[in-house]
Amino acid sequence: MILVTGFEPFGGLKRNPTAEIAQALQGGAIEAAVLPVDYVKIGPVLHDLLQRPWNAVVLLGLAVGRSQITLEKVAINYRGPVRPDNAGYLPEVPEIVSDGPAAYFSTLPLDRLHDALTSAALPAAVSLSAGPHLCNTAFYLARHTLESQGTPCGFLHMPPTPDLACAAPPLGFEEQVRGLKIVLEHLRPW
């Protein structure tokens, strides 16, 4: 089984396509979950989800300023004062896990996934860091929880869909679902 997560809407957006992309693949060997955009709630929600044995965990987040499916390389033990969460909260302590390591690398085969996406004519890139907001927090917490289990885990930033009218060139919902299917296919066996 593979866990695929997306996020609920945030920042005034009426929808977050990452939740819909994850849910579009729900069924069979894929389980979808929607994460809260909430610094207090996200830890317990992820902890509960990660208690089950997974063959892989793929977390998705929306990057309104990007035009590519972006494979994130590193989760850092830092949450910066970028913007408040959906509850209006900004964390006062910058560390995600007070005694955790400075960073975790993705354990997904990023180069192979990048090649598969670009071979399928989908815009893709590899990025160094998931940034200092909740996307990085989710990525770091998942890697921290799964570190001793050896479960492959990584984070993909998805570009906006055309209906969101963001500044970045959009990528259609169907293309994003196709991209995630390609990623999951390359994580077999599951």
N, C-alpha and C. Protein backbone atom coordinates (compact mmCIF):
# COMPACT_ATOMS: atom_id res chain seq x y z
N MET A 1 0.84 -1.19 0.00
CA MET A 1 0.00 0.00 0.00
C MET A 1 0.88 1.25 0.00
N ILE A 2 0.43 2.25 -0.75
CA ILE A 2 1.11 3.54 -0.79
C ILE A 2 0.17 4.60 -0.25
N LEU A 3 0.68 5.42 0.65
CA LEU A 3 -0.08 6.55 1.17
C LEU A 3 0.27 7.78 0.33
N VAL A 4 -0.76 8.46 -0.16
CA VAL A 4 -0.59 9.71 -0.89
C VAL A 4 -1.40 10.77 -0.15
N THR A 5 -0.74 11.87 0.22
CA THR A 5 -1.46 12.93 0.93
C THR A 5 -1.46 14.21 0.11
N GLY A 6 -2.50 14.99 0.30
CA GLY A 6 -2.59 16.35 -0.21
C GLY A 6 -2.97 17.24 0.95
N PHE A 7 -3.15 18.51 0.68
CA PHE A 7 -3.52 19.46 1.73
C PHE A 7 -4.90 20.05 1.47
N GLU A 8 -5.53 20.50 2.55
CA GLU A 8 -6.78 21.24 2.43
C GLU A 8 -6.46 22.63 1.84
N PRO A 9 -7.48 23.38 1.41
CA PRO A 9 -7.24 24.73 0.88
C PRO A 9 -6.59 25.64 1.93
N PHE A 10 -5.85 26.64 1.45
CA PHE A 10 -5.17 27.58 2.34
C PHE A 10 -5.05 28.92 1.64
N GLY A 11 -4.69 29.93 2.41
CA GLY A 11 -4.38 31.24 1.85
C GLY A 11 -5.49 31.87 1.05
N GLY A 12 -6.72 31.59 1.38
CA GLY A 12 -7.84 32.18 0.67
C GLY A 12 -8.27 31.42 -0.58
N LEU A 13 -7.56 30.35 -0.93
CA LEU A 13 -7.96 29.55 -2.09
C LEU A 13 -9.20 28.73 -1.74
N LYS A 14 -10.10 28.61 -2.68
CA LYS A 14 -11.34 27.85 -2.45
C LYS A 14 -11.11 26.34 -2.50
N ARG A 15 -10.03 25.93 -3.17
CA ARG A 15 -9.73 24.51 -3.27
C ARG A 15 -8.22 24.32 -3.35
N ASN A 16 -7.80 23.13 -3.02
CA ASN A 16 -6.39 22.77 -3.15
C ASN A 16 -6.34 21.51 -4.00
N PRO A 17 -5.85 21.62 -5.24
CA PRO A 17 -5.87 20.45 -6.12
C PRO A 17 -5.06 19.27 -5.60
N THR A 18 -4.13 19.48 -4.67
CA THR A 18 -3.35 18.34 -4.18
C THR A 18 -4.23 17.32 -3.47
N ALA A 19 -5.22 17.79 -2.72
CA ALA A 19 -6.15 16.86 -2.07
C ALA A 19 -6.94 16.09 -3.12
N GLU A 20 -7.36 16.79 -4.17
CA GLU A 20 -8.14 16.15 -5.23
C GLU A 20 -7.30 15.17 -6.05
N ILE A 21 -6.03 15.51 -6.27
CA ILE A 21 -5.14 14.62 -7.01
C ILE A 21 -4.94 13.33 -6.21
N ALA A 22 -4.67 13.46 -4.93
CA ALA A 22 -4.51 12.27 -4.08
C ALA A 22 -5.78 11.44 -4.09
N GLN A 23 -6.93 12.09 -3.93
CA GLN A 23 -8.20 11.36 -3.88
C GLN A 23 -8.56 10.73 -5.22
N ALA A 24 -8.09 11.31 -6.33
CA ALA A 24 -8.37 10.75 -7.66
C ALA A 24 -7.72 9.37 -7.83
N LEU A 25 -6.67 9.10 -7.06
CA LEU A 25 -5.97 7.82 -7.18
C LEU A 25 -6.33 6.85 -6.05
N GLN A 26 -7.24 7.26 -5.17
CA GLN A 26 -7.68 6.41 -4.05
C GLN A 26 -8.24 5.10 -4.58
N GLY A 27 -7.84 4.02 -3.98
CA GLY A 27 -8.37 2.71 -4.35
C GLY A 27 -7.26 1.73 -4.67
N GLY A 28 -7.58 0.47 -4.58
CA GLY A 28 -6.58 -0.56 -4.83
C GLY A 28 -5.44 -0.45 -3.85
N ALA A 29 -4.23 -0.23 -4.37
CA ALA A 29 -3.04 -0.16 -3.52
C ALA A 29 -2.72 1.27 -3.08
N ILE A 30 -3.62 2.22 -3.34
CA ILE A 30 -3.37 3.62 -2.99
C ILE A 30 -4.38 4.08 -1.95
N GLU A 31 -3.89 4.66 -0.88
CA GLU A 31 -4.77 5.29 0.10
C GLU A 31 -4.47 6.78 0.14
N ALA A 32 -5.51 7.58 0.03
CA ALA A 32 -5.37 9.03 0.02
C ALA A 32 -5.79 9.61 1.36
N ALA A 33 -5.13 10.71 1.74
CA ALA A 33 -5.49 11.43 2.96
C ALA A 33 -5.27 12.92 2.70
N VAL A 34 -6.07 13.72 3.38
CA VAL A 34 -5.95 15.18 3.27
C VAL A 34 -5.41 15.70 4.60
N LEU A 35 -4.32 16.45 4.52
CA LEU A 35 -3.67 17.00 5.71
C LEU A 35 -4.21 18.39 6.01
N PRO A 36 -4.29 18.73 7.29
CA PRO A 36 -4.71 20.08 7.66
C PRO A 36 -3.58 21.09 7.46
N VAL A 37 -3.95 22.29 7.10
CA VAL A 37 -2.97 23.39 7.03
C VAL A 37 -2.98 24.04 8.40
N ASP A 38 -2.40 23.33 9.35
CA ASP A 38 -2.47 23.71 10.76
C ASP A 38 -1.25 23.12 11.47
N TYR A 39 -0.39 24.00 11.98
CA TYR A 39 0.85 23.54 12.63
C TYR A 39 0.59 22.66 13.85
N VAL A 40 -0.51 22.89 14.56
CA VAL A 40 -0.80 22.11 15.77
C VAL A 40 -1.38 20.75 15.42
N LYS A 41 -2.25 20.70 14.43
CA LYS A 41 -2.94 19.45 14.09
C LYS A 41 -2.14 18.52 13.19
N ILE A 42 -1.23 19.07 12.39
CA ILE A 42 -0.58 18.24 11.37
C ILE A 42 0.25 17.10 11.96
N GLY A 43 0.93 17.33 13.07
CA GLY A 43 1.73 16.28 13.69
C GLY A 43 0.90 15.08 14.11
N PRO A 44 -0.17 15.28 14.91
CA PRO A 44 -0.99 14.13 15.30
C PRO A 44 -1.65 13.42 14.11
N VAL A 45 -2.09 14.18 13.11
CA VAL A 45 -2.72 13.56 11.94
C VAL A 45 -1.71 12.66 11.22
N LEU A 46 -0.51 13.18 10.97
CA LEU A 46 0.52 12.38 10.31
C LEU A 46 0.93 11.18 11.17
N HIS A 47 1.07 11.40 12.45
CA HIS A 47 1.45 10.30 13.35
C HIS A 47 0.45 9.15 13.23
N ASP A 48 -0.84 9.47 13.25
CA ASP A 48 -1.86 8.42 13.14
C ASP A 48 -1.78 7.71 11.78
N LEU A 49 -1.63 8.49 10.71
CA LEU A 49 -1.55 7.91 9.37
C LEU A 49 -0.35 6.99 9.22
N LEU A 50 0.77 7.35 9.83
CA LEU A 50 2.01 6.62 9.62
C LEU A 50 2.18 5.43 10.56
N GLN A 51 1.16 5.12 11.34
CA GLN A 51 1.22 3.94 12.21
C GLN A 51 1.00 2.66 11.42
N ARG A 52 0.39 2.77 10.26
CA ARG A 52 0.19 1.60 9.41
C ARG A 52 1.46 1.30 8.63
N PRO A 53 1.66 0.06 8.23
CA PRO A 53 2.84 -0.25 7.40
C PRO A 53 2.56 0.16 5.95
N TRP A 54 3.41 1.02 5.40
CA TRP A 54 3.27 1.49 4.03
C TRP A 54 4.46 1.02 3.21
N ASN A 55 4.23 0.77 1.93
CA ASN A 55 5.33 0.47 1.02
C ASN A 55 6.04 1.75 0.61
N ALA A 56 5.31 2.86 0.60
CA ALA A 56 5.88 4.18 0.28
C ALA A 56 4.88 5.24 0.74
N VAL A 57 5.41 6.43 0.98
CA VAL A 57 4.59 7.59 1.36
C VAL A 57 4.98 8.74 0.43
N VAL A 58 3.98 9.29 -0.26
CA VAL A 58 4.20 10.42 -1.16
C VAL A 58 3.30 11.56 -0.71
N LEU A 59 3.93 12.65 -0.30
CA LEU A 59 3.19 13.82 0.16
C LEU A 59 3.16 14.86 -0.96
N LEU A 60 2.01 15.49 -1.14
CA LEU A 60 1.84 16.51 -2.17
C LEU A 60 1.51 17.85 -1.52
N GLY A 61 2.02 18.91 -2.10
CA GLY A 61 1.68 20.25 -1.66
C GLY A 61 1.57 21.17 -2.87
N LEU A 62 0.79 22.21 -2.75
CA LEU A 62 0.59 23.16 -3.82
C LEU A 62 1.65 24.25 -3.76
N ALA A 63 2.28 24.50 -4.89
CA ALA A 63 3.25 25.59 -5.01
C ALA A 63 2.70 26.58 -6.05
N VAL A 64 2.01 27.61 -5.58
CA VAL A 64 1.31 28.52 -6.49
C VAL A 64 2.26 29.28 -7.40
N GLY A 65 3.54 29.36 -7.05
CA GLY A 65 4.49 30.09 -7.87
C GLY A 65 5.31 29.22 -8.81
N ARG A 66 5.00 27.94 -8.90
CA ARG A 66 5.79 27.04 -9.75
C ARG A 66 4.95 26.52 -10.90
N SER A 67 5.62 26.18 -11.97
CA SER A 67 4.92 25.69 -13.16
C SER A 67 5.27 24.24 -13.48
N GLN A 68 5.98 23.58 -12.57
CA GLN A 68 6.43 22.21 -12.79
C GLN A 68 6.06 21.33 -11.61
N ILE A 69 5.97 20.04 -11.85
CA ILE A 69 5.90 19.09 -10.75
C ILE A 69 7.31 19.05 -10.17
N THR A 70 7.43 19.41 -8.92
CA THR A 70 8.75 19.58 -8.32
C THR A 70 9.00 18.50 -7.26
N LEU A 71 10.03 17.73 -7.49
CA LEU A 71 10.43 16.67 -6.56
C LEU A 71 11.38 17.30 -5.53
N GLU A 72 10.97 17.29 -4.28
CA GLU A 72 11.76 17.94 -3.23
C GLU A 72 12.82 16.99 -2.69
N LYS A 73 14.04 17.50 -2.58
CA LYS A 73 15.18 16.69 -2.17
C LYS A 73 15.35 16.62 -0.65
N VAL A 74 15.11 17.73 0.06
CA VAL A 74 15.44 17.80 1.48
C VAL A 74 14.30 18.39 2.30
N ALA A 75 14.05 17.78 3.45
CA ALA A 75 13.15 18.34 4.46
C ALA A 75 14.03 18.88 5.57
N ILE A 76 13.87 20.16 5.89
CA ILE A 76 14.71 20.77 6.92
C ILE A 76 13.94 20.92 8.24
N ASN A 77 14.68 20.84 9.33
CA ASN A 77 14.08 20.96 10.66
C ASN A 77 13.91 22.44 11.01
N TYR A 78 13.09 23.10 10.21
CA TYR A 78 12.89 24.54 10.37
C TYR A 78 11.55 24.93 9.78
N ARG A 79 10.84 25.75 10.51
CA ARG A 79 9.61 26.36 10.00
C ARG A 79 9.73 27.86 10.22
N GLY A 80 9.74 28.55 9.13
CA GLY A 80 9.96 29.99 9.19
C GLY A 80 8.67 30.76 9.28
N PRO A 81 8.78 31.99 9.67
CA PRO A 81 7.58 32.84 9.80
C PRO A 81 7.11 33.34 8.43
N VAL A 82 6.72 32.41 7.57
CA VAL A 82 6.30 32.76 6.21
C VAL A 82 4.91 33.35 6.20
N ARG A 83 3.94 32.59 6.66
CA ARG A 83 2.56 33.04 6.76
C ARG A 83 1.85 32.15 7.77
N PRO A 84 0.81 32.67 8.39
CA PRO A 84 0.09 31.86 9.37
C PRO A 84 -0.63 30.68 8.70
N ASP A 85 -0.93 29.68 9.51
CA ASP A 85 -1.69 28.54 9.01
C ASP A 85 -3.17 28.91 8.94
N ASN A 86 -4.02 27.95 8.65
CA ASN A 86 -5.46 28.24 8.52
C ASN A 86 -6.11 28.66 9.82
N ALA A 87 -5.47 28.36 10.94
CA ALA A 87 -5.99 28.78 12.25
C ALA A 87 -5.43 30.15 12.65
N GLY A 88 -4.60 30.75 11.80
CA GLY A 88 -4.00 32.05 12.10
C GLY A 88 -2.76 31.96 12.95
N TYR A 89 -2.21 30.77 13.12
CA TYR A 89 -1.08 30.54 14.01
C TYR A 89 0.25 30.56 13.26
N LEU A 90 1.22 31.24 13.83
CA LEU A 90 2.61 31.19 13.38
C LEU A 90 3.44 30.59 14.51
N PRO A 91 4.18 29.52 14.28
CA PRO A 91 4.95 28.91 15.36
C PRO A 91 6.03 29.85 15.89
N GLU A 92 6.20 29.83 17.19
CA GLU A 92 7.22 30.67 17.82
C GLU A 92 8.58 29.99 17.83
N VAL A 93 8.57 28.66 17.87
CA VAL A 93 9.82 27.89 17.89
C VAL A 93 10.10 27.44 16.46
N PRO A 94 11.28 27.76 15.92
CA PRO A 94 11.54 27.42 14.52
C PRO A 94 11.77 25.94 14.25
N GLU A 95 12.21 25.17 15.25
CA GLU A 95 12.47 23.75 15.01
C GLU A 95 11.16 22.98 14.95
N ILE A 96 11.09 22.04 14.04
CA ILE A 96 9.92 21.18 13.94
C ILE A 96 9.98 20.11 15.02
N VAL A 97 11.15 19.49 15.18
CA VAL A 97 11.40 18.49 16.22
C VAL A 97 12.62 18.98 17.00
N SER A 98 12.44 19.31 18.26
CA SER A 98 13.49 19.97 19.03
C SER A 98 14.80 19.19 19.08
N ASP A 99 14.74 17.88 19.14
CA ASP A 99 15.98 17.09 19.19
C ASP A 99 16.22 16.32 17.90
N GLY A 100 15.55 16.74 16.82
CA GLY A 100 15.69 16.05 15.54
C GLY A 100 16.91 16.53 14.77
N PRO A 101 17.32 15.76 13.78
CA PRO A 101 18.45 16.17 12.94
C PRO A 101 18.10 17.41 12.13
N ALA A 102 19.10 18.07 11.61
CA ALA A 102 18.90 19.30 10.84
C ALA A 102 18.08 19.07 9.59
N ALA A 103 18.19 17.89 8.98
CA ALA A 103 17.48 17.63 7.73
C ALA A 103 17.37 16.14 7.48
N TYR A 104 16.42 15.81 6.61
CA TYR A 104 16.28 14.45 6.07
C TYR A 104 16.22 14.57 4.56
N PHE A 105 16.87 13.65 3.88
CA PHE A 105 16.76 13.58 2.43
C PHE A 105 15.54 12.74 2.05
N SER A 106 14.96 13.05 0.92
CA SER A 106 13.91 12.21 0.36
C SER A 106 14.50 10.82 0.14
N THR A 107 13.68 9.80 0.35
CA THR A 107 14.13 8.45 0.07
C THR A 107 13.45 7.88 -1.17
N LEU A 108 12.83 8.77 -1.95
CA LEU A 108 12.28 8.37 -3.25
C LEU A 108 13.40 8.45 -4.29
N PRO A 109 13.31 7.69 -5.36
CA PRO A 109 14.34 7.74 -6.42
C PRO A 109 14.12 8.97 -7.31
N LEU A 110 14.53 10.12 -6.83
CA LEU A 110 14.19 11.40 -7.48
C LEU A 110 14.67 11.50 -8.93
N ASP A 111 15.88 11.09 -9.21
CA ASP A 111 16.38 11.19 -10.59
C ASP A 111 15.56 10.32 -11.53
N ARG A 112 15.26 9.12 -11.09
CA ARG A 112 14.45 8.21 -11.92
C ARG A 112 13.04 8.77 -12.12
N LEU A 113 12.46 9.34 -11.07
CA LEU A 113 11.12 9.93 -11.18
C LEU A 113 11.13 11.14 -12.10
N HIS A 114 12.15 11.98 -11.96
CA HIS A 114 12.28 13.15 -12.83
C HIS A 114 12.37 12.72 -14.29
N ASP A 115 13.20 11.72 -14.57
CA ASP A 115 13.36 11.23 -15.94
C ASP A 115 12.04 10.66 -16.48
N ALA A 116 11.31 9.95 -15.64
CA ALA A 116 10.03 9.37 -16.07
C ALA A 116 9.02 10.46 -16.39
N LEU A 117 8.97 11.49 -15.57
CA LEU A 117 8.02 12.59 -15.81
C LEU A 117 8.37 13.35 -17.09
N THR A 118 9.63 13.69 -17.25
CA THR A 118 10.02 14.45 -18.44
C THR A 118 9.90 13.59 -19.71
N SER A 119 10.15 12.30 -19.60
CA SER A 119 9.96 11.40 -20.74
C SER A 119 8.50 11.33 -21.16
N ALA A 120 7.60 11.57 -20.22
CA ALA A 120 6.17 11.59 -20.50
C ALA A 120 5.69 12.99 -20.89
N ALA A 121 6.64 13.89 -21.17
CA ALA A 121 6.34 15.27 -21.60
C ALA A 121 5.62 16.08 -20.53
N LEU A 122 5.91 15.78 -19.27
CA LEU A 122 5.37 16.57 -18.16
C LEU A 122 6.48 17.46 -17.61
N PRO A 123 6.17 18.72 -17.31
CA PRO A 123 7.20 19.60 -16.76
C PRO A 123 7.57 19.15 -15.35
N ALA A 124 8.85 18.92 -15.12
CA ALA A 124 9.31 18.43 -13.82
C ALA A 124 10.66 19.03 -13.49
N ALA A 125 10.92 19.14 -12.20
CA ALA A 125 12.20 19.65 -11.72
C ALA A 125 12.49 19.01 -10.37
N VAL A 126 13.75 19.04 -9.99
CA VAL A 126 14.15 18.63 -8.64
C VAL A 126 14.54 19.89 -7.90
N SER A 127 14.03 20.05 -6.69
CA SER A 127 14.29 21.24 -5.87
C SER A 127 15.04 20.82 -4.62
N LEU A 128 15.88 21.70 -4.12
CA LEU A 128 16.67 21.39 -2.94
C LEU A 128 15.83 21.25 -1.68
N SER A 129 14.86 22.15 -1.45
CA SER A 129 14.15 22.16 -0.18
C SER A 129 12.67 22.45 -0.38
N ALA A 130 11.85 21.87 0.48
CA ALA A 130 10.41 22.08 0.43
C ALA A 130 9.99 23.42 1.04
N GLY A 131 10.94 24.24 1.47
CA GLY A 131 10.61 25.57 2.01
C GLY A 131 10.29 25.54 3.49
N PRO A 132 9.99 26.68 4.07
CA PRO A 132 9.81 26.75 5.52
C PRO A 132 8.36 26.69 6.01
N HIS A 133 7.41 26.36 5.17
CA HIS A 133 6.01 26.38 5.59
C HIS A 133 5.53 24.96 5.90
N LEU A 134 4.24 24.72 5.86
CA LEU A 134 3.68 23.43 6.26
C LEU A 134 4.04 22.27 5.34
N CYS A 135 4.34 22.55 4.09
CA CYS A 135 4.78 21.46 3.20
C CYS A 135 6.06 20.83 3.76
N ASN A 136 7.01 21.66 4.10
CA ASN A 136 8.25 21.18 4.68
C ASN A 136 7.99 20.50 6.03
N THR A 137 7.10 21.08 6.83
CA THR A 137 6.77 20.49 8.13
C THR A 137 6.24 19.08 7.95
N ALA A 138 5.32 18.89 7.02
CA ALA A 138 4.76 17.56 6.77
C ALA A 138 5.85 16.60 6.30
N PHE A 139 6.67 17.05 5.36
CA PHE A 139 7.76 16.24 4.82
C PHE A 139 8.72 15.83 5.94
N TYR A 140 9.13 16.80 6.77
CA TYR A 140 10.08 16.51 7.85
C TYR A 140 9.46 15.52 8.85
N LEU A 141 8.24 15.78 9.28
CA LEU A 141 7.60 14.91 10.27
C LEU A 141 7.43 13.49 9.74
N ALA A 142 7.05 13.36 8.47
CA ALA A 142 6.90 12.03 7.88
C ALA A 142 8.25 11.30 7.83
N ARG A 143 9.28 11.98 7.36
CA ARG A 143 10.61 11.35 7.30
C ARG A 143 11.10 11.00 8.70
N HIS A 144 10.87 11.89 9.66
CA HIS A 144 11.30 11.64 11.04
C HIS A 144 10.61 10.39 11.59
N THR A 145 9.33 10.27 11.35
CA THR A 145 8.56 9.13 11.85
C THR A 145 8.97 7.84 11.17
N LEU A 146 9.24 7.91 9.86
CA LEU A 146 9.53 6.70 9.08
C LEU A 146 11.01 6.33 9.04
N GLU A 147 11.87 7.17 9.60
CA GLU A 147 13.32 6.96 9.48
C GLU A 147 13.76 5.56 9.89
N SER A 148 13.27 5.07 11.00
CA SER A 148 13.71 3.76 11.48
C SER A 148 13.06 2.60 10.73
N GLN A 149 11.99 2.88 9.99
CA GLN A 149 11.28 1.81 9.28
C GLN A 149 11.82 1.56 7.87
N GLY A 150 12.53 2.53 7.33
CA GLY A 150 13.06 2.38 5.98
C GLY A 150 12.01 2.53 4.89
N THR A 151 10.86 3.08 5.21
CA THR A 151 9.80 3.28 4.22
C THR A 151 10.17 4.43 3.28
N PRO A 152 10.17 4.21 1.97
CA PRO A 152 10.44 5.31 1.04
C PRO A 152 9.41 6.43 1.24
N CYS A 153 9.91 7.65 1.31
CA CYS A 153 9.05 8.79 1.59
C CYS A 153 9.61 10.03 0.91
N GLY A 154 8.73 10.81 0.31
CA GLY A 154 9.16 12.05 -0.30
C GLY A 154 8.02 13.00 -0.53
N PHE A 155 8.37 14.17 -1.02
CA PHE A 155 7.41 15.26 -1.18
C PHE A 155 7.47 15.81 -2.60
N LEU A 156 6.29 16.05 -3.18
CA LEU A 156 6.18 16.66 -4.49
C LEU A 156 5.38 17.94 -4.37
N HIS A 157 5.93 19.03 -4.87
CA HIS A 157 5.16 20.26 -5.00
C HIS A 157 4.48 20.24 -6.37
N MET A 158 3.19 20.48 -6.38
CA MET A 158 2.42 20.48 -7.62
C MET A 158 2.12 21.93 -8.01
N PRO A 159 2.12 22.23 -9.31
CA PRO A 159 1.82 23.59 -9.75
C PRO A 159 0.31 23.86 -9.65
N PRO A 160 -0.09 25.11 -9.77
CA PRO A 160 -1.52 25.41 -9.75
C PRO A 160 -2.21 24.85 -10.99
N THR A 161 -3.48 24.56 -10.84
CA THR A 161 -4.30 24.17 -11.98
C THR A 161 -4.85 25.45 -12.62
N PRO A 162 -5.30 25.39 -13.87
CA PRO A 162 -5.73 26.60 -14.57
C PRO A 162 -6.81 27.40 -13.85
N ASP A 163 -7.70 26.73 -13.14
CA ASP A 163 -8.81 27.44 -12.48
C ASP A 163 -8.37 28.29 -11.29
N LEU A 164 -7.16 28.08 -10.78
CA LEU A 164 -6.71 28.85 -9.61
C LEU A 164 -6.21 30.25 -9.97
N ALA A 165 -5.95 30.50 -11.23
CA ALA A 165 -5.55 31.83 -11.70
C ALA A 165 -4.39 32.40 -10.89
N CYS A 166 -3.35 31.61 -10.73
CA CYS A 166 -2.14 32.06 -10.04
C CYS A 166 -1.17 32.65 -11.06
N ALA A 167 -0.12 33.24 -10.58
CA ALA A 167 0.85 33.89 -11.45
C ALA A 167 1.64 32.89 -12.30
N ALA A 168 1.91 31.71 -11.76
CA ALA A 168 2.70 30.72 -12.49
C ALA A 168 1.88 30.09 -13.60
N PRO A 169 2.53 29.66 -14.68
CA PRO A 169 1.79 28.93 -15.71
C PRO A 169 1.20 27.66 -15.10
N PRO A 170 -0.07 27.41 -15.30
CA PRO A 170 -0.73 26.27 -14.67
C PRO A 170 -0.41 24.96 -15.39
N LEU A 171 -0.75 23.88 -14.73
CA LEU A 171 -0.69 22.56 -15.32
C LEU A 171 -2.03 21.91 -15.03
N GLY A 172 -2.68 21.39 -16.06
CA GLY A 172 -4.02 20.83 -15.91
C GLY A 172 -4.11 19.72 -14.89
N PHE A 173 -5.29 19.58 -14.31
CA PHE A 173 -5.55 18.57 -13.29
C PHE A 173 -5.25 17.17 -13.83
N GLU A 174 -5.71 16.87 -15.05
CA GLU A 174 -5.49 15.54 -15.62
C GLU A 174 -4.00 15.26 -15.80
N GLU A 175 -3.24 16.28 -16.21
CA GLU A 175 -1.80 16.10 -16.38
C GLU A 175 -1.13 15.84 -15.03
N GLN A 176 -1.60 16.52 -13.98
CA GLN A 176 -1.02 16.30 -12.66
C GLN A 176 -1.35 14.91 -12.14
N VAL A 177 -2.58 14.45 -12.36
CA VAL A 177 -2.94 13.09 -11.97
C VAL A 177 -2.08 12.09 -12.74
N ARG A 178 -1.90 12.33 -14.04
CA ARG A 178 -1.05 11.46 -14.86
C ARG A 178 0.38 11.44 -14.32
N GLY A 179 0.88 12.61 -13.93
CA GLY A 179 2.22 12.69 -13.36
C GLY A 179 2.35 11.88 -12.08
N LEU A 180 1.37 11.99 -11.20
CA LEU A 180 1.42 11.23 -9.95
C LEU A 180 1.33 9.73 -10.23
N LYS A 181 0.51 9.34 -11.22
CA LYS A 181 0.45 7.92 -11.59
C LYS A 181 1.82 7.42 -12.04
N ILE A 182 2.53 8.23 -12.80
CA ILE A 182 3.87 7.85 -13.26
C ILE A 182 4.80 7.69 -12.07
N VAL A 183 4.75 8.62 -11.14
CA VAL A 183 5.57 8.53 -9.93
C VAL A 183 5.27 7.25 -9.17
N LEU A 184 3.99 6.98 -8.94
CA LEU A 184 3.61 5.80 -8.16
C LEU A 184 3.99 4.51 -8.89
N GLU A 185 3.87 4.50 -10.21
CA GLU A 185 4.25 3.33 -10.99
C GLU A 185 5.74 3.01 -10.81
N HIS A 186 6.54 4.05 -10.66
CA HIS A 186 7.99 3.86 -10.50
C HIS A 186 8.39 3.52 -9.06
N LEU A 187 7.42 3.46 -8.17
CA LEU A 187 7.71 3.07 -6.79
C LEU A 187 7.35 1.62 -6.53
N ARG A 188 6.94 0.89 -7.55
CA ARG A 188 6.61 -0.51 -7.37
C ARG A 188 7.79 -1.27 -6.80
N PRO A 189 7.68 -2.35 -6.12
CA PRO A 189 6.48 -3.12 -5.98
C PRO A 189 5.59 -2.61 -4.84
N TRP A 190 4.31 -2.64 -5.07
CA TRP A 190 3.29 -2.34 -4.07
C TRP A 190 2.10 -3.13 -4.39
